[in-house]
N, C-alpha and C. Protein backbone atom coordinates (compact mmCIF):
# COMPACT_ATOMS: atom_id res chain seq x y z
N MET A 1 -41.79 76.59 62.21
CA MET A 1 -42.57 75.71 61.00
C MET A 1 -41.13 75.94 59.77
N THR A 2 -40.77 74.27 59.53
CA THR A 2 -40.17 74.40 58.67
C THR A 2 -40.26 73.37 57.26
N ILE A 3 -40.01 74.08 56.41
CA ILE A 3 -40.25 73.65 54.95
C ILE A 3 -39.03 72.93 54.00
N HIS A 4 -39.30 71.65 53.47
CA HIS A 4 -37.60 71.43 52.72
C HIS A 4 -38.81 70.20 51.55
N VAL A 5 -38.41 70.88 50.03
CA VAL A 5 -38.60 70.01 48.77
C VAL A 5 -37.64 69.11 48.62
N ASN A 6 -37.63 67.75 48.78
CA ASN A 6 -37.02 67.01 48.33
C ASN A 6 -36.66 66.68 46.95
N GLU A 7 -36.00 65.42 47.03
CA GLU A 7 -35.00 65.14 45.65
C GLU A 7 -36.48 64.53 44.52
N SER A 8 -37.59 64.51 45.25
CA SER A 8 -38.59 63.79 44.33
C SER A 8 -39.24 65.11 43.49
N CYS A 9 -39.14 66.23 43.81
CA CYS A 9 -39.77 67.17 42.97
C CYS A 9 -39.56 66.92 41.47
N VAL A 10 -40.55 67.76 40.91
CA VAL A 10 -40.55 67.25 39.58
C VAL A 10 -40.66 68.67 38.40
N GLY A 11 -40.96 69.81 39.53
CA GLY A 11 -40.59 70.89 38.70
C GLY A 11 -41.82 71.76 37.95
N CYS A 12 -42.57 70.87 38.49
CA CYS A 12 -44.33 71.65 37.90
C CYS A 12 -44.68 72.98 38.29
N GLY A 13 -43.77 73.70 39.25
CA GLY A 13 -44.06 74.75 39.83
C GLY A 13 -45.76 74.99 40.53
N LEU A 14 -46.64 73.76 40.70
CA LEU A 14 -47.70 74.47 41.52
C LEU A 14 -47.59 75.02 42.30
N CYS A 15 -46.77 74.86 43.94
CA CYS A 15 -46.29 75.32 44.81
C CYS A 15 -45.79 76.83 44.59
N VAL A 16 -45.20 76.65 43.60
CA VAL A 16 -44.72 78.56 43.31
C VAL A 16 -46.19 79.19 43.28
N SER A 17 -47.01 78.49 42.25
CA SER A 17 -48.42 79.11 41.75
C SER A 17 -49.31 79.57 43.39
N MET A 18 -49.41 78.78 44.16
CA MET A 18 -50.22 78.64 45.50
C MET A 18 -49.52 79.47 46.27
N CYS A 19 -48.35 79.44 46.68
CA CYS A 19 -47.75 79.85 47.82
C CYS A 19 -46.37 81.21 47.09
N PRO A 20 -46.48 81.74 46.23
CA PRO A 20 -45.20 82.51 45.63
C PRO A 20 -43.91 83.33 47.25
N GLY A 21 -44.74 83.29 48.05
CA GLY A 21 -44.23 83.85 49.10
C GLY A 21 -43.00 82.65 50.07
N VAL A 22 -43.55 81.45 49.95
CA VAL A 22 -42.31 80.71 50.48
C VAL A 22 -41.66 79.43 49.62
N PHE A 23 -42.17 79.52 48.43
CA PHE A 23 -41.85 78.81 47.35
C PHE A 23 -41.45 79.48 46.17
N THR A 24 -40.06 79.22 45.63
CA THR A 24 -39.11 79.67 44.39
C THR A 24 -38.74 78.81 43.46
N MET A 25 -38.51 78.84 42.39
CA MET A 25 -38.15 77.56 41.24
C MET A 25 -36.55 78.15 41.33
N THR A 26 -35.57 76.76 41.30
CA THR A 26 -34.24 77.30 41.42
C THR A 26 -33.73 77.12 40.19
N ASP A 27 -32.84 77.55 39.42
CA ASP A 27 -31.69 77.10 38.52
C ASP A 27 -31.83 76.05 37.65
N GLU A 28 -32.37 75.10 38.17
CA GLU A 28 -31.94 73.65 37.94
C GLU A 28 -33.35 73.42 37.63
N GLY A 29 -34.53 74.08 38.01
CA GLY A 29 -35.52 73.60 37.44
C GLY A 29 -36.66 73.00 38.08
N VAL A 30 -36.09 72.90 39.55
CA VAL A 30 -36.58 72.29 40.40
C VAL A 30 -37.53 73.65 41.61
N ALA A 31 -38.46 72.86 42.59
CA ALA A 31 -38.53 74.26 43.57
C ALA A 31 -38.12 73.93 44.86
N ALA A 32 -37.96 75.42 45.34
CA ALA A 32 -37.01 75.40 47.23
C ALA A 32 -37.77 76.30 47.40
N ALA A 33 -37.88 76.12 49.20
CA ALA A 33 -39.03 76.56 50.29
C ALA A 33 -37.53 77.89 50.74
N ARG A 34 -38.35 78.95 50.96
CA ARG A 34 -37.43 80.19 51.42
C ARG A 34 -37.29 79.87 52.35
N ASP A 35 -36.04 80.65 52.93
CA ASP A 35 -35.66 80.22 54.58
C ASP A 35 -36.46 80.37 55.67
N GLU A 36 -37.13 81.98 55.36
CA GLU A 36 -38.30 82.47 56.17
C GLU A 36 -39.84 82.24 55.94
N ILE A 37 -40.51 81.56 56.88
CA ILE A 37 -41.72 81.27 56.44
C ILE A 37 -42.49 82.36 57.66
N PHE A 38 -43.23 83.12 57.35
CA PHE A 38 -44.02 83.94 58.39
C PHE A 38 -45.43 82.95 58.62
N PRO A 39 -45.73 83.31 60.14
CA PRO A 39 -46.89 82.54 60.60
C PRO A 39 -47.94 82.98 59.62
N GLU A 40 -48.17 83.52 58.86
CA GLU A 40 -49.60 83.92 58.13
C GLU A 40 -49.59 83.41 56.94
N GLN A 41 -48.28 83.16 56.50
CA GLN A 41 -47.93 82.01 55.24
C GLN A 41 -48.13 80.18 55.29
N GLU A 42 -48.62 80.33 56.49
CA GLU A 42 -48.09 78.39 57.04
C GLU A 42 -49.21 77.74 56.45
N ALA A 43 -50.82 78.30 56.57
CA ALA A 43 -51.66 77.50 55.95
C ALA A 43 -51.50 77.37 54.81
N GLN A 44 -51.12 78.30 53.92
CA GLN A 44 -51.03 78.36 52.03
C GLN A 44 -49.70 77.58 52.10
N ALA A 45 -48.93 77.29 53.07
CA ALA A 45 -47.69 76.24 52.44
C ALA A 45 -48.34 75.09 52.95
N ARG A 46 -49.06 74.53 54.05
CA ARG A 46 -49.46 73.40 54.33
C ARG A 46 -50.40 73.22 52.84
N GLU A 47 -50.84 73.69 52.69
CA GLU A 47 -52.32 73.98 51.10
C GLU A 47 -51.16 72.93 50.41
N ALA A 48 -50.05 74.32 50.02
CA ALA A 48 -49.21 73.75 48.65
C ALA A 48 -48.84 72.29 48.81
N ALA A 49 -47.86 71.98 50.13
CA ALA A 49 -47.68 71.08 50.21
C ALA A 49 -48.45 69.62 49.67
N GLU A 50 -49.33 69.72 50.82
CA GLU A 50 -50.65 68.46 50.07
C GLU A 50 -51.02 68.25 48.63
N SER A 51 -50.89 69.95 47.96
CA SER A 51 -51.33 69.34 46.65
C SER A 51 -50.06 68.87 45.74
N CYS A 52 -48.74 68.79 46.47
CA CYS A 52 -47.90 68.48 45.60
C CYS A 52 -48.13 67.16 44.92
N PRO A 53 -48.26 66.91 43.55
CA PRO A 53 -48.11 65.87 42.85
C PRO A 53 -46.96 64.85 42.95
N ALA A 54 -45.90 65.31 42.91
CA ALA A 54 -44.74 64.46 43.62
C ALA A 54 -44.64 64.13 44.91
N ASN A 55 -45.47 64.58 45.81
CA ASN A 55 -45.15 64.79 47.70
C ASN A 55 -43.77 64.68 47.78
N ALA A 56 -43.36 65.98 47.24
CA ALA A 56 -41.75 66.43 47.28
C ALA A 56 -41.48 67.30 48.79
N ILE A 57 -42.85 67.90 49.05
CA ILE A 57 -42.58 69.29 50.40
C ILE A 57 -43.16 68.56 51.31
N GLU A 58 -42.23 68.53 52.63
CA GLU A 58 -41.88 67.80 53.68
C GLU A 58 -41.97 69.46 54.68
N VAL A 59 -43.08 69.60 55.39
CA VAL A 59 -44.00 69.89 56.65
C VAL A 59 -43.30 69.60 58.02
N THR A 60 -42.35 70.63 58.73
CA THR A 60 -42.53 70.35 60.15
C THR A 60 -42.55 71.23 60.85
N LEU A 61 -43.50 70.74 61.98
CA LEU A 61 -44.03 71.88 62.68
C LEU A 61 -42.72 72.18 63.73
C-alpha cells in the first residue's frame, strides 16, 4: 500500500490525529504520509483517508 497526500490538503490535522504512525504535519502546515506503512496500520490509514474533509489522501494498494 502506498499513500500520497495531494495539494488539496488544508492542514486540518485529522489524519495525523487518527493515524499518527502514518501521517505527519510538515513545516508548511500540511499533512504528509510516512514512507513506510506497516500492514497493521493499513486499516487505520484507509479510515483516515476516507475521513479527510479535503479528499486529499490517495491510497493505492
